[in-house]
Amino acid sequence: MAKAILKFDLNDPDDTMAHLRAIKSLDMALVLWEILYNSKKGFEYHIEAGKYEDQYELLDAVYSKMWEEMNDRGIKLDDIVN
């Protein structure tokens, strides 16, 4: 069986960021899954039901949903992207 061990120097800022990226990768994948699959279905339903007055209201709703999912998973972009 193949194994991999990742080592990070948590005293080094670049390694600390790389560590956070590694440990948050599943959370980020789950956020993307939610946005790309589940949320899309919900937005399609709301569009057909006439919930959004215009495209800007829909755009705001999409971005609000993305930030909500990120916050729910504890992903802070400032911590993993510099």
N, C-alpha and C. Protein backbone atom coordinates (compact mmCIF):
# COMPACT_ATOMS: atom_id res chain seq x y z
N MET A 1 0.85 -1.18 0.00
CA MET A 1 0.00 0.00 0.00
C MET A 1 0.90 1.24 0.00
N ALA A 2 0.57 2.17 -0.88
CA ALA A 2 1.34 3.41 -0.96
C ALA A 2 0.90 4.35 0.15
N LYS A 3 1.85 5.08 0.69
CA LYS A 3 1.57 6.05 1.75
C LYS A 3 2.25 7.37 1.40
N ALA A 4 1.68 8.43 1.92
CA ALA A 4 2.28 9.75 1.77
C ALA A 4 2.21 10.46 3.10
N ILE A 5 3.27 11.12 3.44
CA ILE A 5 3.31 11.91 4.67
C ILE A 5 3.64 13.34 4.27
N LEU A 6 2.79 14.24 4.67
CA LEU A 6 3.03 15.66 4.42
C LEU A 6 3.59 16.28 5.69
N LYS A 7 4.65 17.05 5.56
CA LYS A 7 5.23 17.73 6.71
C LYS A 7 5.20 19.23 6.45
N PHE A 8 4.83 19.95 7.49
CA PHE A 8 4.75 21.41 7.41
C PHE A 8 5.50 22.02 8.58
N ASP A 9 6.22 23.07 8.32
CA ASP A 9 6.85 23.85 9.39
C ASP A 9 5.87 24.95 9.75
N LEU A 10 5.12 24.75 10.83
CA LEU A 10 4.06 25.69 11.19
C LEU A 10 4.60 27.00 11.75
N ASN A 11 5.91 27.12 11.85
CA ASN A 11 6.52 28.41 12.20
C ASN A 11 6.78 29.25 10.96
N ASP A 12 6.67 28.63 9.79
CA ASP A 12 6.87 29.32 8.52
C ASP A 12 5.51 29.73 7.97
N PRO A 13 5.29 31.00 7.68
CA PRO A 13 3.98 31.46 7.20
C PRO A 13 3.52 30.76 5.90
N ASP A 14 4.43 30.51 4.98
CA ASP A 14 4.04 29.83 3.74
C ASP A 14 3.62 28.39 4.01
N ASP A 15 4.34 27.71 4.88
CA ASP A 15 3.98 26.34 5.24
C ASP A 15 2.67 26.30 6.02
N THR A 16 2.43 27.29 6.85
CA THR A 16 1.18 27.35 7.60
C THR A 16 0.00 27.47 6.64
N MET A 17 0.16 28.31 5.61
CA MET A 17 -0.90 28.46 4.62
C MET A 17 -1.08 27.16 3.83
N ALA A 18 0.01 26.51 3.47
CA ALA A 18 -0.07 25.24 2.75
C ALA A 18 -0.76 24.18 3.62
N HIS A 19 -0.49 24.18 4.89
CA HIS A 19 -1.13 23.26 5.84
C HIS A 19 -2.64 23.49 5.87
N LEU A 20 -3.05 24.75 5.98
CA LEU A 20 -4.48 25.06 5.99
C LEU A 20 -5.15 24.64 4.70
N ARG A 21 -4.47 24.83 3.58
CA ARG A 21 -5.03 24.40 2.30
C ARG A 21 -5.23 22.89 2.29
N ALA A 22 -4.28 22.16 2.83
CA ALA A 22 -4.37 20.70 2.85
C ALA A 22 -5.51 20.22 3.74
N ILE A 23 -5.63 20.80 4.92
CA ILE A 23 -6.65 20.30 5.85
C ILE A 23 -8.05 20.80 5.50
N LYS A 24 -8.15 21.82 4.69
CA LYS A 24 -9.46 22.35 4.28
C LYS A 24 -9.89 21.86 2.90
N SER A 25 -9.11 20.98 2.28
CA SER A 25 -9.43 20.56 0.92
C SER A 25 -10.76 19.82 0.82
N LEU A 26 -11.07 18.95 1.78
CA LEU A 26 -12.36 18.25 1.75
C LEU A 26 -13.51 19.24 1.92
N ASP A 27 -13.36 20.17 2.85
CA ASP A 27 -14.40 21.18 3.05
C ASP A 27 -14.63 21.99 1.78
N MET A 28 -13.55 22.36 1.10
CA MET A 28 -13.68 23.12 -0.14
C MET A 28 -14.36 22.27 -1.21
N ALA A 29 -14.01 20.99 -1.30
CA ALA A 29 -14.65 20.11 -2.27
C ALA A 29 -16.14 19.99 -1.99
N LEU A 30 -16.53 19.91 -0.71
CA LEU A 30 -17.94 19.81 -0.35
C LEU A 30 -18.69 21.10 -0.67
N VAL A 31 -18.04 22.23 -0.49
CA VAL A 31 -18.66 23.51 -0.86
C VAL A 31 -18.90 23.54 -2.37
N LEU A 32 -17.90 23.15 -3.14
CA LEU A 32 -18.07 23.14 -4.59
C LEU A 32 -19.17 22.18 -5.02
N TRP A 33 -19.23 21.02 -4.40
CA TRP A 33 -20.30 20.06 -4.71
C TRP A 33 -21.66 20.69 -4.44
N GLU A 34 -21.80 21.31 -3.29
CA GLU A 34 -23.08 21.93 -2.92
C GLU A 34 -23.47 23.01 -3.92
N ILE A 35 -22.52 23.85 -4.30
CA ILE A 35 -22.81 24.94 -5.22
C ILE A 35 -23.13 24.40 -6.63
N LEU A 36 -22.30 23.49 -7.11
CA LEU A 36 -22.44 23.03 -8.49
C LEU A 36 -23.60 22.09 -8.73
N TYR A 37 -24.00 21.34 -7.72
CA TYR A 37 -25.06 20.36 -7.93
C TYR A 37 -26.34 20.74 -7.20
N ASN A 38 -26.30 20.82 -5.90
CA ASN A 38 -27.53 21.04 -5.13
C ASN A 38 -28.07 22.46 -5.29
N SER A 39 -27.23 23.46 -5.18
CA SER A 39 -27.70 24.84 -5.26
C SER A 39 -28.23 25.15 -6.65
N LYS A 40 -27.60 24.61 -7.68
CA LYS A 40 -28.06 24.85 -9.05
C LYS A 40 -29.52 24.43 -9.20
N LYS A 41 -29.86 23.27 -8.67
CA LYS A 41 -31.24 22.79 -8.75
C LYS A 41 -32.19 23.75 -8.04
N GLY A 42 -31.77 24.24 -6.88
CA GLY A 42 -32.60 25.18 -6.12
C GLY A 42 -32.81 26.49 -6.85
N PHE A 43 -31.74 27.00 -7.46
CA PHE A 43 -31.87 28.25 -8.20
C PHE A 43 -32.74 28.07 -9.43
N GLU A 44 -32.62 26.93 -10.12
CA GLU A 44 -33.48 26.68 -11.27
C GLU A 44 -34.94 26.67 -10.86
N TYR A 45 -35.24 26.05 -9.73
CA TYR A 45 -36.61 26.01 -9.23
C TYR A 45 -37.11 27.43 -8.95
N HIS A 46 -36.30 28.24 -8.28
CA HIS A 46 -36.71 29.61 -7.95
C HIS A 46 -36.86 30.49 -9.19
N ILE A 47 -36.03 30.25 -10.20
CA ILE A 47 -36.15 31.01 -11.44
C ILE A 47 -37.49 30.68 -12.11
N GLU A 48 -37.81 29.38 -12.20
CA GLU A 48 -39.07 28.97 -12.82
C GLU A 48 -40.27 29.48 -12.04
N ALA A 49 -40.12 29.61 -10.72
CA ALA A 49 -41.23 30.10 -9.89
C ALA A 49 -41.32 31.62 -9.89
N GLY A 50 -40.38 32.29 -10.58
CA GLY A 50 -40.42 33.75 -10.68
C GLY A 50 -39.99 34.47 -9.41
N LYS A 51 -39.13 33.83 -8.61
CA LYS A 51 -38.71 34.43 -7.35
C LYS A 51 -37.84 35.68 -7.55
N TYR A 52 -37.04 35.69 -8.61
CA TYR A 52 -36.10 36.79 -8.81
C TYR A 52 -36.65 37.80 -9.80
N GLU A 53 -36.61 39.07 -9.38
CA GLU A 53 -37.13 40.16 -10.21
C GLU A 53 -36.26 40.39 -11.45
N ASP A 54 -34.94 40.29 -11.28
CA ASP A 54 -34.04 40.51 -12.41
C ASP A 54 -32.76 39.71 -12.21
N GLN A 55 -31.89 39.77 -13.19
CA GLN A 55 -30.67 38.97 -13.15
C GLN A 55 -29.73 39.40 -12.03
N TYR A 56 -29.80 40.66 -11.60
CA TYR A 56 -28.91 41.12 -10.53
C TYR A 56 -29.34 40.57 -9.18
N GLU A 57 -30.62 40.42 -8.99
CA GLU A 57 -31.12 39.81 -7.77
C GLU A 57 -30.69 38.34 -7.71
N LEU A 58 -30.76 37.67 -8.84
CA LEU A 58 -30.30 36.27 -8.92
C LEU A 58 -28.80 36.19 -8.66
N LEU A 59 -28.04 37.08 -9.26
CA LEU A 59 -26.59 37.10 -9.05
C LEU A 59 -26.25 37.29 -7.58
N ASP A 60 -26.93 38.21 -6.92
CA ASP A 60 -26.72 38.42 -5.48
C ASP A 60 -27.06 37.16 -4.68
N ALA A 61 -28.11 36.48 -5.07
CA ALA A 61 -28.52 35.25 -4.37
C ALA A 61 -27.47 34.15 -4.55
N VAL A 62 -26.91 34.04 -5.74
CA VAL A 62 -25.89 33.03 -6.00
C VAL A 62 -24.66 33.30 -5.14
N TYR A 63 -24.20 34.53 -5.13
CA TYR A 63 -23.00 34.86 -4.34
C TYR A 63 -23.27 34.74 -2.84
N SER A 64 -24.44 35.09 -2.40
CA SER A 64 -24.79 34.92 -0.99
C SER A 64 -24.75 33.44 -0.61
N LYS A 65 -25.24 32.59 -1.50
CA LYS A 65 -25.22 31.14 -1.25
C LYS A 65 -23.79 30.63 -1.18
N MET A 66 -22.93 31.10 -2.06
CA MET A 66 -21.54 30.67 -2.04
C MET A 66 -20.87 31.06 -0.73
N TRP A 67 -21.05 32.30 -0.29
CA TRP A 67 -20.44 32.74 0.97
C TRP A 67 -21.04 31.99 2.15
N GLU A 68 -22.33 31.70 2.11
CA GLU A 68 -22.97 30.94 3.18
C GLU A 68 -22.34 29.54 3.29
N GLU A 69 -22.16 28.89 2.17
CA GLU A 69 -21.55 27.56 2.17
C GLU A 69 -20.11 27.61 2.68
N MET A 70 -19.37 28.62 2.27
CA MET A 70 -17.98 28.76 2.74
C MET A 70 -17.96 28.96 4.25
N ASN A 71 -18.82 29.83 4.75
CA ASN A 71 -18.87 30.07 6.19
C ASN A 71 -19.30 28.83 6.96
N ASP A 72 -20.29 28.10 6.42
CA ASP A 72 -20.76 26.89 7.09
C ASP A 72 -19.66 25.85 7.23
N ARG A 73 -18.74 25.81 6.28
CA ARG A 73 -17.64 24.84 6.31
C ARG A 73 -16.38 25.40 6.96
N GLY A 74 -16.44 26.64 7.43
CA GLY A 74 -15.29 27.24 8.11
C GLY A 74 -14.14 27.58 7.18
N ILE A 75 -14.46 27.89 5.95
CA ILE A 75 -13.40 28.23 5.00
C ILE A 75 -13.28 29.75 4.94
N LYS A 76 -12.10 30.22 5.28
CA LYS A 76 -11.80 31.66 5.22
C LYS A 76 -10.75 31.86 4.15
N LEU A 77 -11.16 32.43 3.03
CA LEU A 77 -10.27 32.57 1.89
C LEU A 77 -8.99 33.32 2.24
N ASP A 78 -9.08 34.31 3.10
CA ASP A 78 -7.90 35.08 3.47
C ASP A 78 -6.84 34.21 4.15
N ASP A 79 -7.26 33.11 4.77
CA ASP A 79 -6.33 32.21 5.43
C ASP A 79 -5.63 31.26 4.47
N ILE A 80 -6.24 30.99 3.32
CA ILE A 80 -5.65 30.01 2.41
C ILE A 80 -5.22 30.57 1.06
N VAL A 81 -5.52 31.83 0.80
CA VAL A 81 -5.10 32.48 -0.43
C VAL A 81 -4.48 33.82 -0.06
N ASN A 82 -3.31 34.05 -0.57
CA ASN A 82 -2.64 35.30 -0.25
C ASN A 82 -2.20 36.00 -1.50
